[in-house]
Amino acid sequence: MKGGVLNLLKAKYLIDEGSMKNWRFIVFLVLVCMLMIANTHNYEQKNYRIKELETEVKELRSEFVDVRSELMELKMESTVSKKMEERNIFPASVPPKKIKVIKEEEKGFFESLWQ
């Protein structure tokens, strides 16, 4: 046991005759670790971007609601009449009447000949 731990601490497995297999495995482990670190970094970047976009969507949604309510207020008849009073245009005291236009049917060529 004492010799095995001592050999492990001296890293004799890296300089012995069959050390090429060990080096390949170590390089493989280093590459896998680098891939895992890069993957985790990419994952965290995507999470930060998602959070930023979510907050932007919330801000835009609240701005949309504000502008929509402002538009609804501006479209109201009372608001429009107040704006028009500033220009000396007042609402009519008599309600509007509906005008009906009756269009005469055009007679064909033969019908106009018989008359």
PDB file of N, CA and C in Angstrom:
ATOM      1  N   MET A   1       0.828  -1.194   0.000  1.00  0.00           N
ATOM      2  CA  MET A   1       0.000   0.000   0.000  1.00  0.00           C
ATOM      3  C   MET A   1       0.872   1.257   0.000  1.00  0.00           C
ATOM      4  N   LYS A   2       1.948   1.168   0.804  1.00  0.00           N
ATOM      5  CA  LYS A   2       2.823   2.318   0.930  1.00  0.00           C
ATOM      6  C   LYS A   2       3.520   2.600  -0.402  1.00  0.00           C
ATOM      7  N   GLY A   3       3.946   1.575  -1.088  1.00  0.00           N
ATOM      8  CA  GLY A   3       4.631   1.731  -2.367  1.00  0.00           C
ATOM      9  C   GLY A   3       3.674   2.227  -3.448  1.00  0.00           C
ATOM     10  N   GLY A   4       2.398   1.815  -3.403  1.00  0.00           N
ATOM     11  CA  GLY A   4       1.425   2.239  -4.415  1.00  0.00           C
ATOM     12  C   GLY A   4       1.100   3.719  -4.297  1.00  0.00           C
ATOM     13  N   VAL A   5       0.944   4.203  -3.079  1.00  0.00           N
ATOM     14  CA  VAL A   5       0.638   5.616  -2.866  1.00  0.00           C
ATOM     15  C   VAL A   5       1.853   6.456  -3.211  1.00  0.00           C
ATOM     16  N   LEU A   6       3.039   5.942  -2.869  1.00  0.00           N
ATOM     17  CA  LEU A   6       4.269   6.672  -3.176  1.00  0.00           C
ATOM     18  C   LEU A   6       4.473   6.772  -4.690  1.00  0.00           C
ATOM     19  N   ASN A   7       4.206   5.674  -5.405  1.00  0.00           N
ATOM     20  CA  ASN A   7       4.312   5.699  -6.871  1.00  0.00           C
ATOM     21  C   ASN A   7       3.284   6.662  -7.484  1.00  0.00           C
ATOM     22  N   LEU A   8       2.126   6.726  -6.890  1.00  0.00           N
ATOM     23  CA  LEU A   8       1.086   7.641  -7.378  1.00  0.00           C
ATOM     24  C   LEU A   8       1.503   9.094  -7.168  1.00  0.00           C
ATOM     25  N   LEU A   9       2.096   9.385  -6.000  1.00  0.00           N
ATOM     26  CA  LEU A   9       2.543  10.747  -5.719  1.00  0.00           C
ATOM     27  C   LEU A   9       3.736  11.152  -6.579  1.00  0.00           C
ATOM     28  N   LYS A  10       4.592  10.196  -6.912  1.00  0.00           N
ATOM     29  CA  LYS A  10       5.750  10.493  -7.760  1.00  0.00           C
ATOM     30  C   LYS A  10       5.353  10.541  -9.237  1.00  0.00           C
ATOM     31  N   ALA A  11       4.146  10.160  -9.566  1.00  0.00           N
ATOM     32  CA  ALA A  11       3.608  10.155 -10.935  1.00  0.00           C
ATOM     33  C   ALA A  11       4.412   9.240 -11.845  1.00  0.00           C
ATOM     34  N   LYS A  12       4.734   8.057 -11.342  1.00  0.00           N
ATOM     35  CA  LYS A  12       5.482   7.098 -12.150  1.00  0.00           C
ATOM     36  C   LYS A  12       4.636   6.539 -13.287  1.00  0.00           C
ATOM     37  N   TYR A  13       3.321   6.642 -13.168  1.00  0.00           N
ATOM     38  CA  TYR A  13       2.447   6.131 -14.232  1.00  0.00           C
ATOM     39  C   TYR A  13       2.551   6.988 -15.496  1.00  0.00           C
ATOM     40  N   LEU A  14       3.178   8.163 -15.395  1.00  0.00           N
ATOM     41  CA  LEU A  14       3.345   9.036 -16.557  1.00  0.00           C
ATOM     42  C   LEU A  14       4.681   8.826 -17.271  1.00  0.00           C
ATOM     43  N   ILE A  15       5.624   8.127 -16.611  1.00  0.00           N
ATOM     44  CA  ILE A  15       6.940   7.969 -17.231  1.00  0.00           C
ATOM     45  C   ILE A  15       7.319   6.505 -17.444  1.00  0.00           C
ATOM     46  N   ASP A  16       6.486   5.581 -17.037  1.00  0.00           N
ATOM     47  CA  ASP A  16       6.776   4.163 -17.248  1.00  0.00           C
ATOM     48  C   ASP A  16       6.622   3.799 -18.718  1.00  0.00           C
ATOM     49  N   GLU A  17       6.877   2.500 -19.019  1.00  0.00           N
ATOM     50  CA  GLU A  17       6.820   2.036 -20.411  1.00  0.00           C
ATOM     51  C   GLU A  17       5.411   2.130 -20.992  1.00  0.00           C
ATOM     52  N   GLY A  18       4.375   1.834 -20.262  1.00  0.00           N
ATOM     53  CA  GLY A  18       2.997   1.871 -20.764  1.00  0.00           C
ATOM     54  C   GLY A  18       2.303   3.198 -20.491  1.00  0.00           C
ATOM     55  N   SER A  19       3.085   4.247 -20.399  1.00  0.00           N
ATOM     56  CA  SER A  19       2.515   5.541 -20.032  1.00  0.00           C
ATOM     57  C   SER A  19       1.747   6.206 -21.175  1.00  0.00           C
ATOM     58  N   MET A  20       1.928   5.756 -22.434  1.00  0.00           N
ATOM     59  CA  MET A  20       1.224   6.385 -23.554  1.00  0.00           C
ATOM     60  C   MET A  20      -0.289   6.233 -23.409  1.00  0.00           C
ATOM     61  N   LYS A  21      -0.729   5.094 -22.897  1.00  0.00           N
ATOM     62  CA  LYS A  21      -2.175   4.901 -22.664  1.00  0.00           C
ATOM     63  C   LYS A  21      -2.670   5.888 -21.609  1.00  0.00           C
ATOM     64  N   ASN A  22      -1.885   6.092 -20.590  1.00  0.00           N
ATOM     65  CA  ASN A  22      -2.285   7.029 -19.536  1.00  0.00           C
ATOM     66  C   ASN A  22      -2.353   8.463 -20.066  1.00  0.00           C
ATOM     67  N   TRP A  23      -1.370   8.851 -20.895  1.00  0.00           N
ATOM     68  CA  TRP A  23      -1.369  10.201 -21.459  1.00  0.00           C
ATOM     69  C   TRP A  23      -2.585  10.424 -22.356  1.00  0.00           C
ATOM     70  N   ARG A  24      -2.928   9.412 -23.145  1.00  0.00           N
ATOM     71  CA  ARG A  24      -4.119   9.532 -24.003  1.00  0.00           C
ATOM     72  C   ARG A  24      -5.372   9.748 -23.156  1.00  0.00           C
ATOM     73  N   PHE A  25      -5.480   8.986 -22.090  1.00  0.00           N
ATOM     74  CA  PHE A  25      -6.650   9.113 -21.231  1.00  0.00           C
ATOM     75  C   PHE A  25      -6.683  10.484 -20.549  1.00  0.00           C
ATOM     76  N   ILE A  26      -5.512  10.981 -20.129  1.00  0.00           N
ATOM     77  CA  ILE A  26      -5.446  12.302 -19.474  1.00  0.00           C
ATOM     78  C   ILE A  26      -5.844  13.394 -20.467  1.00  0.00           C
ATOM     79  N   VAL A  27      -5.338  13.301 -21.690  1.00  0.00           N
ATOM     80  CA  VAL A  27      -5.694  14.296 -22.705  1.00  0.00           C
ATOM     81  C   VAL A  27      -7.193  14.233 -22.993  1.00  0.00           C
ATOM     82  N   PHE A  28      -7.739  13.015 -23.054  1.00  0.00           N
ATOM     83  CA  PHE A  28      -9.179  12.851 -23.262  1.00  0.00           C
ATOM     84  C   PHE A  28      -9.965  13.511 -22.134  1.00  0.00           C
ATOM     85  N   LEU A  29      -9.560  13.299 -20.891  1.00  0.00           N
ATOM     86  CA  LEU A  29     -10.247  13.908 -19.757  1.00  0.00           C
ATOM     87  C   LEU A  29     -10.160  15.433 -19.799  1.00  0.00           C
ATOM     88  N   VAL A  30      -9.006  15.968 -20.185  1.00  0.00           N
ATOM     89  CA  VAL A  30      -8.848  17.418 -20.275  1.00  0.00           C
ATOM     90  C   VAL A  30      -9.786  17.980 -21.348  1.00  0.00           C
ATOM     91  N   LEU A  31      -9.864  17.317 -22.492  1.00  0.00           N
ATOM     92  CA  LEU A  31     -10.767  17.769 -23.562  1.00  0.00           C
ATOM     93  C   LEU A  31     -12.230  17.719 -23.128  1.00  0.00           C
ATOM     94  N   VAL A  32     -12.610  16.656 -22.443  1.00  0.00           N
ATOM     95  CA  VAL A  32     -13.992  16.542 -21.963  1.00  0.00           C
ATOM     96  C   VAL A  32     -14.295  17.648 -20.952  1.00  0.00           C
ATOM     97  N   CYS A  33     -13.332  17.934 -20.069  1.00  0.00           N
ATOM     98  CA  CYS A  33     -13.533  19.013 -19.094  1.00  0.00           C
ATOM     99  C   CYS A  33     -13.672  20.369 -19.791  1.00  0.00           C
ATOM    100  N   MET A  34     -12.853  20.610 -20.815  1.00  0.00           N
ATOM    101  CA  MET A  34     -12.948  21.866 -21.543  1.00  0.00           C
ATOM    102  C   MET A  34     -14.300  21.994 -22.250  1.00  0.00           C
ATOM    103  N   LEU A  35     -14.785  20.896 -22.818  1.00  0.00           N
ATOM    104  CA  LEU A  35     -16.096  20.915 -23.462  1.00  0.00           C
ATOM    105  C   LEU A  35     -17.207  21.192 -22.453  1.00  0.00           C
ATOM    106  N   MET A  36     -17.106  20.599 -21.291  1.00  0.00           N
ATOM    107  CA  MET A  36     -18.124  20.831 -20.267  1.00  0.00           C
ATOM    108  C   MET A  36     -18.110  22.276 -19.797  1.00  0.00           C
ATOM    109  N   ILE A  37     -16.931  22.854 -19.629  1.00  0.00           N
ATOM    110  CA  ILE A  37     -16.837  24.251 -19.200  1.00  0.00           C
ATOM    111  C   ILE A  37     -17.409  25.170 -20.274  1.00  0.00           C
ATOM    112  N   ALA A  38     -17.069  24.915 -21.534  1.00  0.00           N
ATOM    113  CA  ALA A  38     -17.590  25.743 -22.627  1.00  0.00           C
ATOM    114  C   ALA A  38     -19.109  25.617 -22.732  1.00  0.00           C
ATOM    115  N   ASN A  39     -19.620  24.414 -22.555  1.00  0.00           N
ATOM    116  CA  ASN A  39     -21.066  24.190 -22.629  1.00  0.00           C
ATOM    117  C   ASN A  39     -21.778  24.921 -21.488  1.00  0.00           C
ATOM    118  N   THR A  40     -21.226  24.880 -20.295  1.00  0.00           N
ATOM    119  CA  THR A  40     -21.827  25.572 -19.154  1.00  0.00           C
ATOM    120  C   THR A  40     -21.795  27.086 -19.368  1.00  0.00           C
ATOM    121  N   HIS A  41     -20.684  27.585 -19.902  1.00  0.00           N
ATOM    122  CA  HIS A  41     -20.572  29.018 -20.174  1.00  0.00           C
ATOM    123  C   HIS A  41     -21.619  29.452 -21.203  1.00  0.00           C
ATOM    124  N   ASN A  42     -21.782  28.680 -22.252  1.00  0.00           N
ATOM    125  CA  ASN A  42     -22.780  28.971 -23.291  1.00  0.00           C
ATOM    126  C   ASN A  42     -24.197  28.935 -22.716  1.00  0.00           C
ATOM    127  N   TYR A  43     -24.468  27.973 -21.868  1.00  0.00           N
ATOM    128  CA  TYR A  43     -25.778  27.847 -21.225  1.00  0.00           C
ATOM    129  C   TYR A  43     -26.087  29.070 -20.358  1.00  0.00           C
ATOM    130  N   GLU A  44     -25.102  29.521 -19.593  1.00  0.00           N
ATOM    131  CA  GLU A  44     -25.317  30.686 -18.732  1.00  0.00           C
ATOM    132  C   GLU A  44     -25.519  31.953 -19.554  1.00  0.00           C
ATOM    133  N   GLN A  45     -24.786  32.097 -20.663  1.00  0.00           N
ATOM    134  CA  GLN A  45     -24.993  33.255 -21.536  1.00  0.00           C
ATOM    135  C   GLN A  45     -26.409  33.271 -22.087  1.00  0.00           C
ATOM    136  N   LYS A  46     -26.919  32.120 -22.486  1.00  0.00           N
ATOM    137  CA  LYS A  46     -28.281  32.049 -23.003  1.00  0.00           C
ATOM    138  C   LYS A  46     -29.300  32.389 -21.924  1.00  0.00           C
ATOM    139  N   ASN A  47     -29.058  31.938 -20.702  1.00  0.00           N
ATOM    140  CA  ASN A  47     -29.973  32.267 -19.605  1.00  0.00           C
ATOM    141  C   ASN A  47     -30.007  33.761 -19.343  1.00  0.00           C
ATOM    142  N   TYR A  48     -28.837  34.417 -19.339  1.00  0.00           N
ATOM    143  CA  TYR A  48     -28.804  35.869 -19.139  1.00  0.00           C
ATOM    144  C   TYR A  48     -29.550  36.584 -20.262  1.00  0.00           C
ATOM    145  N   ARG A  49     -29.355  36.121 -21.488  1.00  0.00           N
ATOM    146  CA  ARG A  49     -30.029  36.749 -22.637  1.00  0.00           C
ATOM    147  C   ARG A  49     -31.546  36.562 -22.527  1.00  0.00           C
ATOM    148  N   ILE A  50     -31.994  35.398 -22.098  1.00  0.00           N
ATOM    149  CA  ILE A  50     -33.423  35.140 -21.933  1.00  0.00           C
ATOM    150  C   ILE A  50     -34.000  36.071 -20.868  1.00  0.00           C
ATOM    151  N   LYS A  51     -33.294  36.242 -19.759  1.00  0.00           N
ATOM    152  CA  LYS A  51     -33.774  37.141 -18.698  1.00  0.00           C
ATOM    153  C   LYS A  51     -33.865  38.578 -19.197  1.00  0.00           C
ATOM    154  N   GLU A  52     -32.848  39.013 -19.969  1.00  0.00           N
ATOM    155  CA  GLU A  52     -32.882  40.371 -20.516  1.00  0.00           C
ATOM    156  C   GLU A  52     -34.078  40.551 -21.440  1.00  0.00           C
ATOM    157  N   LEU A  53     -34.327  39.567 -22.286  1.00  0.00           N
ATOM    158  CA  LEU A  53     -35.451  39.660 -23.222  1.00  0.00           C
ATOM    159  C   LEU A  53     -36.792  39.630 -22.492  1.00  0.00           C
ATOM    160  N   GLU A  54     -36.879  38.857 -21.428  1.00  0.00           N
ATOM    161  CA  GLU A  54     -38.125  38.819 -20.658  1.00  0.00           C
ATOM    162  C   GLU A  54     -38.423  40.176 -20.020  1.00  0.00           C
ATOM    163  N   THR A  55     -37.396  40.810 -19.476  1.00  0.00           N
ATOM    164  CA  THR A  55     -37.627  42.132 -18.877  1.00  0.00           C
ATOM    165  C   THR A  55     -37.983  43.153 -19.956  1.00  0.00           C
ATOM    166  N   GLU A  56     -37.363  43.043 -21.122  1.00  0.00           N
ATOM    167  CA  GLU A  56     -37.690  43.961 -22.219  1.00  0.00           C
ATOM    168  C   GLU A  56     -39.137  43.765 -22.681  1.00  0.00           C
ATOM    169  N   VAL A  57     -39.579  42.513 -22.743  1.00  0.00           N
ATOM    170  CA  VAL A  57     -40.965  42.233 -23.134  1.00  0.00           C
ATOM    171  C   VAL A  57     -41.930  42.817 -22.113  1.00  0.00           C
ATOM    172  N   LYS A  58     -41.623  42.689 -20.837  1.00  0.00           N
ATOM    173  CA  LYS A  58     -42.487  43.262 -19.803  1.00  0.00           C
ATOM    174  C   LYS A  58     -42.574  44.775 -19.932  1.00  0.00           C
ATOM    175  N   GLU A  59     -41.424  45.424 -20.176  1.00  0.00           N
ATOM    176  CA  GLU A  59     -41.424  46.874 -20.336  1.00  0.00           C
ATOM    177  C   GLU A  59     -42.232  47.297 -21.557  1.00  0.00           C
ATOM    178  N   LEU A  60     -42.042  46.591 -22.661  1.00  0.00           N
ATOM    179  CA  LEU A  60     -42.773  46.931 -23.881  1.00  0.00           C
ATOM    180  C   LEU A  60     -44.272  46.691 -23.727  1.00  0.00           C
ATOM    181  N   ARG A  61     -44.636  45.640 -23.004  1.00  0.00           N
ATOM    182  CA  ARG A  61     -46.057  45.353 -22.784  1.00  0.00           C
ATOM    183  C   ARG A  61     -46.698  46.450 -21.940  1.00  0.00           C
ATOM    184  N   SER A  62     -45.992  46.904 -20.905  1.00  0.00           N
ATOM    185  CA  SER A  62     -46.556  47.969 -20.071  1.00  0.00           C
ATOM    186  C   SER A  62     -46.637  49.279 -20.859  1.00  0.00           C
ATOM    187  N   GLU A  63     -45.641  49.544 -21.702  1.00  0.00           N
ATOM    188  CA  GLU A  63     -45.696  50.736 -22.547  1.00  0.00           C
ATOM    189  C   GLU A  63     -46.864  50.656 -23.523  1.00  0.00           C
ATOM    190  N   PHE A  64     -47.101  49.473 -24.073  1.00  0.00           N
ATOM    191  CA  PHE A  64     -48.225  49.273 -24.985  1.00  0.00           C
ATOM    192  C   PHE A  64     -49.553  49.553 -24.294  1.00  0.00           C
ATOM    193  N   VAL A  65     -49.699  49.057 -23.078  1.00  0.00           N
ATOM    194  CA  VAL A  65     -50.944  49.278 -22.336  1.00  0.00           C
ATOM    195  C   VAL A  65     -51.136  50.762 -22.052  1.00  0.00           C
ATOM    196  N   ASP A  66     -50.068  51.457 -21.680  1.00  0.00           N
ATOM    197  CA  ASP A  66     -50.155  52.894 -21.416  1.00  0.00           C
ATOM    198  C   ASP A  66     -50.572  53.666 -22.663  1.00  0.00           C
ATOM    199  N   VAL A  67     -49.938  53.364 -23.774  1.00  0.00           N
ATOM    200  CA  VAL A  67     -50.238  54.082 -25.013  1.00  0.00           C
ATOM    201  C   VAL A  67     -51.655  53.760 -25.488  1.00  0.00           C
ATOM    202  N   ARG A  68     -52.080  52.509 -25.313  1.00  0.00           N
ATOM    203  CA  ARG A  68     -53.434  52.133 -25.718  1.00  0.00           C
ATOM    204  C   ARG A  68     -54.476  52.860 -24.883  1.00  0.00           C
ATOM    205  N   SER A  69     -54.250  52.983 -23.580  1.00  0.00           N
ATOM    206  CA  SER A  69     -55.205  53.700 -22.735  1.00  0.00           C
ATOM    207  C   SER A  69     -55.225  55.187 -23.082  1.00  0.00           C
ATOM    208  N   GLU A  70     -54.052  55.742 -23.402  1.00  0.00           N
ATOM    209  CA  GLU A  70     -53.991  57.142 -23.814  1.00  0.00           C
ATOM    210  C   GLU A  70     -54.747  57.349 -25.130  1.00  0.00           C
ATOM    211  N   LEU A  71     -54.607  56.421 -26.042  1.00  0.00           N
ATOM    212  CA  LEU A  71     -55.326  56.508 -27.316  1.00  0.00           C
ATOM    213  C   LEU A  71     -56.835  56.418 -27.106  1.00  0.00           C
ATOM    214  N   MET A  72     -57.263  55.522 -26.228  1.00  0.00           N
ATOM    215  CA  MET A  72     -58.695  55.394 -25.946  1.00  0.00           C
ATOM    216  C   MET A  72     -59.238  56.706 -25.363  1.00  0.00           C
ATOM    217  N   GLU A  73     -58.450  57.354 -24.523  1.00  0.00           N
ATOM    218  CA  GLU A  73     -58.875  58.626 -23.939  1.00  0.00           C
ATOM    219  C   GLU A  73     -58.954  59.712 -25.010  1.00  0.00           C
ATOM    220  N   LEU A  74     -57.991  59.723 -25.931  1.00  0.00           N
ATOM    221  CA  LEU A  74     -57.990  60.736 -26.985  1.00  0.00           C
ATOM    222  C   LEU A  74     -59.131  60.525 -27.984  1.00  0.00           C
ATOM    223  N   LYS A  75     -59.591  59.301 -28.142  1.00  0.00           N
ATOM    224  CA  LYS A  75     -60.668  59.006 -29.087  1.00  0.00           C
ATOM    225  C   LYS A  75     -62.052  59.320 -28.535  1.00  0.00           C
ATOM    226  N   MET A  76     -62.139  59.586 -27.255  1.00  0.00           N
ATOM    227  CA  MET A  76     -63.442  59.867 -26.654  1.00  0.00           C
ATOM    228  C   MET A  76     -64.010  61.170 -27.222  1.00  0.00           C
ATOM    229  N   GLU A  77     -65.341  61.213 -27.336  1.00  0.00           N
ATOM    230  CA  GLU A  77     -66.008  62.376 -27.932  1.00  0.00           C
ATOM    231  C   GLU A  77     -65.772  63.637 -27.116  1.00  0.00           C
ATOM    232  N   SER A  78     -65.766  63.512 -25.811  1.00  0.00           N
ATOM    233  CA  SER A  78     -65.570  64.699 -24.971  1.00  0.00           C
ATOM    234  C   SER A  78     -64.176  65.296 -25.180  1.00  0.00           C
ATOM    235  N   THR A  79     -63.162  64.448 -25.304  1.00  0.00           N
ATOM    236  CA  THR A  79     -61.807  64.945 -25.533  1.00  0.00           C
ATOM    237  C   THR A  79     -61.697  65.614 -26.895  1.00  0.00           C
ATOM    238  N   VAL A  80     -62.319  64.993 -27.905  1.00  0.00           N
ATOM    239  CA  VAL A  80     -62.271  65.575 -29.243  1.00  0.00           C
ATOM    240  C   VAL A  80     -62.989  66.916 -29.258  1.00  0.00           C
ATOM    241  N   SER A  81     -64.146  67.019 -28.585  1.00  0.00           N
ATOM    242  CA  SER A  81     -64.878  68.286 -28.571  1.00  0.00           C
ATOM    243  C   SER A  81     -64.088  69.377 -27.843  1.00  0.00           C
ATOM    244  N   LYS A  82     -63.371  69.029 -26.769  1.00  0.00           N
ATOM    245  CA  LYS A  82     -62.537  70.019 -26.071  1.00  0.00           C
ATOM    246  C   LYS A  82     -61.415  70.518 -26.982  1.00  0.00           C
ATOM    247  N   LYS A  83     -60.805  69.610 -27.735  1.00  0.00           N
ATOM    248  CA  LYS A  83     -59.735  70.009 -28.651  1.00  0.00           C
ATOM    249  C   LYS A  83     -60.281  70.903 -29.765  1.00  0.00           C
ATOM    250  N   MET A  84     -61.489  70.631 -30.231  1.00  0.00           N
ATOM    251  CA  MET A  84     -62.075  71.420 -31.308  1.00  0.00           C
ATOM    252  C   MET A  84     -62.543  72.796 -30.811  1.00  0.00           C
ATOM    253  N   GLU A  85     -62.938  72.889 -29.542  1.00  0.00           N
ATOM    254  CA  GLU A  85     -63.346  74.181 -28.980  1.00  0.00           C
ATOM    255  C   GLU A  85     -62.188  75.166 -28.963  1.00  0.00           C
ATOM    256  N   GLU A  86     -60.964  74.656 -28.831  1.00  0.00           N
ATOM    257  CA  GLU A  86     -59.793  75.521 -28.887  1.00  0.00           C
ATOM    258  C   GLU A  86     -59.653  76.167 -30.266  1.00  0.00           C
ATOM    259  N   ARG A  87     -60.167  75.521 -31.288  1.00  0.00           N
ATOM    260  CA  ARG A  87     -60.099  76.034 -32.660  1.00  0.00           C
ATOM    261  C   ARG A  87     -61.416  76.704 -33.079  1.00  0.00           C
ATOM    262  N   ASN A  88     -62.273  76.950 -32.103  1.00  0.00           N
ATOM    263  CA  ASN A  88     -63.588  77.563 -32.333  1.00  0.00           C
ATOM    264  C   ASN A  88     -64.489  76.709 -33.223  1.00  0.00           C
ATOM    265  N   ILE A  89     -64.394  75.420 -33.075  1.00  0.00           N
ATOM    266  CA  ILE A  89     -65.307  74.492 -33.747  1.00  0.00           C
ATOM    267  C   ILE A  89     -66.095  73.801 -32.643  1.00  0.00           C
ATOM    268  N   PHE A  90     -67.440  74.004 -32.676  1.00  0.00           N
ATOM    269  CA  PHE A  90     -68.284  73.478 -31.611  1.00  0.00           C
ATOM    270  C   PHE A  90     -69.139  72.333 -32.135  1.00  0.00           C
ATOM    271  N   PRO A  91     -69.562  71.437 -31.247  1.00  0.00           N
ATOM    272  CA  PRO A  91     -70.422  70.336 -31.696  1.00  0.00           C
ATOM    273  C   PRO A  91     -71.786  70.859 -32.140  1.00  0.00           C
ATOM    274  N   ALA A  92     -72.388  70.156 -33.065  1.00  0.00           N
ATOM    275  CA  ALA A  92     -73.680  70.573 -33.610  1.00  0.00           C
ATOM    276  C   ALA A  92     -74.777  70.383 -32.567  1.00  0.00           C
ATOM    277  N   SER A  93     -75.718  71.314 -32.553  1.00  0.00           N
ATOM    278  CA  SER A  93     -76.835  71.193 -31.608  1.00  0.00           C
ATOM    279  C   SER A  93     -77.950  70.339 -32.203  1.00  0.00           C
ATOM    280  N   VAL A  94     -77.987  70.222 -33.511  1.00  0.00           N
ATOM    281  CA  VAL A  94     -78.989  69.405 -34.194  1.00  0.00           C
ATOM    282  C   VAL A  94     -78.325  68.100 -34.618  1.00  0.00           C
ATOM    283  N   PRO A  95     -78.966  66.987 -34.322  1.00  0.00           N
ATOM    284  CA  PRO A  95     -78.344  65.720 -34.702  1.00  0.00           C
ATOM    285  C   PRO A  95     -78.314  65.572 -36.230  1.00  0.00           C
ATOM    286  N   PRO A  96     -77.368  64.855 -36.743  1.00  0.00           N
ATOM    287  CA  PRO A  96     -77.262  64.695 -38.194  1.00  0.00           C
ATOM    288  C   PRO A  96     -78.395  63.834 -38.748  1.00  0.00           C
ATOM    289  N   LYS A  97     -78.719  64.067 -40.029  1.00  0.00           N
ATOM    290  CA  LYS A  97     -79.740  63.275 -40.703  1.00  0.00           C
ATOM    291  C   LYS A  97     -79.062  62.392 -41.723  1.00  0.00           C
ATOM    292  N   LYS A  98     -79.665  61.249 -41.946  1.00  0.00           N
ATOM    293  CA  LYS A  98     -79.115  60.306 -42.883  1.00  0.00           C
ATOM    294  C   LYS A  98     -79.601  60.670 -44.281  1.00  0.00           C
ATOM    295  N   ILE A  99     -78.703  60.724 -45.219  1.00  0.00           N
ATOM    296  CA  ILE A  99     -79.046  61.045 -46.596  1.00  0.00           C
ATOM    297  C   ILE A  99     -79.028  59.753 -47.394  1.00  0.00           C
ATOM    298  N   LYS A 100     -80.150  59.488 -48.072  1.00  0.00           N
ATOM    299  CA  LYS A 100     -80.229  58.295 -48.902  1.00  0.00           C
ATOM    300  C   LYS A 100     -80.131  58.715 -50.363  1.00  0.00           C
ATOM    301  N   VAL A 101     -79.265  58.081 -51.072  1.00  0.00           N
ATOM    302  CA  VAL A 101     -79.105  58.354 -52.499  1.00  0.00           C
ATOM    303  C   VAL A 101     -79.688  57.169 -53.247  1.00  0.00           C
ATOM    304  N   ILE A 102     -80.696  57.467 -54.065  1.00  0.00           N
ATOM    305  CA  ILE A 102     -81.330  56.412 -54.857  1.00  0.00           C
ATOM    306  C   ILE A 102     -80.752  56.499 -56.261  1.00  0.00           C
ATOM    307  N   LYS A 103     -80.160  55.441 -56.671  1.00  0.00           N
ATOM    308  CA  LYS A 103     -79.519  55.415 -57.968  1.00  0.00           C
ATOM    309  C   LYS A 103     -80.470  54.755 -58.960  1.00  0.00           C
ATOM    310  N   GLU A 104     -80.724  55.449 -60.038  1.00  0.00           N
ATOM    311  CA  GLU A 104     -81.611  54.895 -61.053  1.00  0.00           C
ATOM    312  C   GLU A 104     -80.861  53.820 -61.809  1.00  0.00           C
ATOM    313  N   GLU A 105     -81.622  52.808 -62.144  1.00  0.00           N
ATOM    314  CA  GLU A 105     -81.017  51.717 -62.898  1.00  0.00           C
ATOM    315  C   GLU A 105     -80.772  52.171 -64.323  1.00  0.00           C
ATOM    316  N   GLU A 106     -79.657  51.823 -64.828  1.00  0.00           N
ATOM    317  CA  GLU A 106     -79.362  52.174 -66.215  1.00  0.00           C
ATOM    318  C   GLU A 106     -80.098  51.191 -67.120  1.00  0.00           C
ATOM    319  N   LYS A 107     -80.721  51.752 -68.108  1.00  0.00           N
ATOM    320  CA  LYS A 107     -81.451  50.910 -69.041  1.00  0.00           C
ATOM    321  C   LYS A 107     -80.506  50.432 -70.119  1.00  0.00           C
ATOM    322  N   GLY A 108     -80.771  49.255 -70.561  1.00  0.00           N
ATOM    323  CA  GLY A 108     -79.958  48.699 -71.619  1.00  0.00           C
ATOM    324  C   GLY A 108     -80.263  49.361 -72.955  1.00  0.00           C
ATOM    325  N   PHE A 109     -79.537  49.013 -73.949  1.00  0.00           N
ATOM    326  CA  PHE A 109     -79.679  49.591 -75.273  1.00  0.00           C
ATOM    327  C   PHE A 109     -81.056  49.305 -75.863  1.00  0.00           C
ATOM    328  N   PHE A 110     -81.543  48.078 -75.736  1.00  0.00           N
ATOM    329  CA  PHE A 110     -82.823  47.701 -76.323  1.00  0.00           C
ATOM    330  C   PHE A 110     -83.985  48.340 -75.563  1.00  0.00           C
ATOM    331  N   GLU A 111     -83.853  48.478 -74.240  1.00  0.00           N
ATOM    332  CA  GLU A 111     -84.930  49.091 -73.463  1.00  0.00           C
ATOM    333  C   GLU A 111     -85.055  50.581 -73.792  1.00  0.00           C
ATOM    334  N   SER A 112     -83.968  51.242 -74.063  1.00  0.00           N
ATOM    335  CA  SER A 112     -84.035  52.656 -74.409  1.00  0.00           C
ATOM    336  C   SER A 112     -84.603  52.853 -75.832  1.00  0.00           C
ATOM    337  N   LEU A 113     -84.491  51.868 -76.700  1.00  0.00           N
ATOM    338  CA  LEU A 113     -85.044  51.950 -78.044  1.00  0.00           C
ATOM    339  C   LEU A 113     -86.567  51.879 -78.030  1.00  0.00           C
ATOM    340  N   TRP A 114     -87.141  51.093 -77.120  1.00  0.00           N
ATOM    341  CA  TRP A 114     -88.597  50.883 -77.097  1.00  0.00           C
ATOM    342  C   TRP A 114     -89.301  52.036 -76.455  1.00  0.00           C
ATOM    343  N   GLN A 115     -88.628  52.986 -75.887  1.00  0.00           N
ATOM    344  CA  GLN A 115     -89.331  54.106 -75.249  1.00  0.00           C
ATOM    345  C   GLN A 115     -89.391  55.311 -76.114  1.00  0.00           C
TER     346      GLN A 115
END
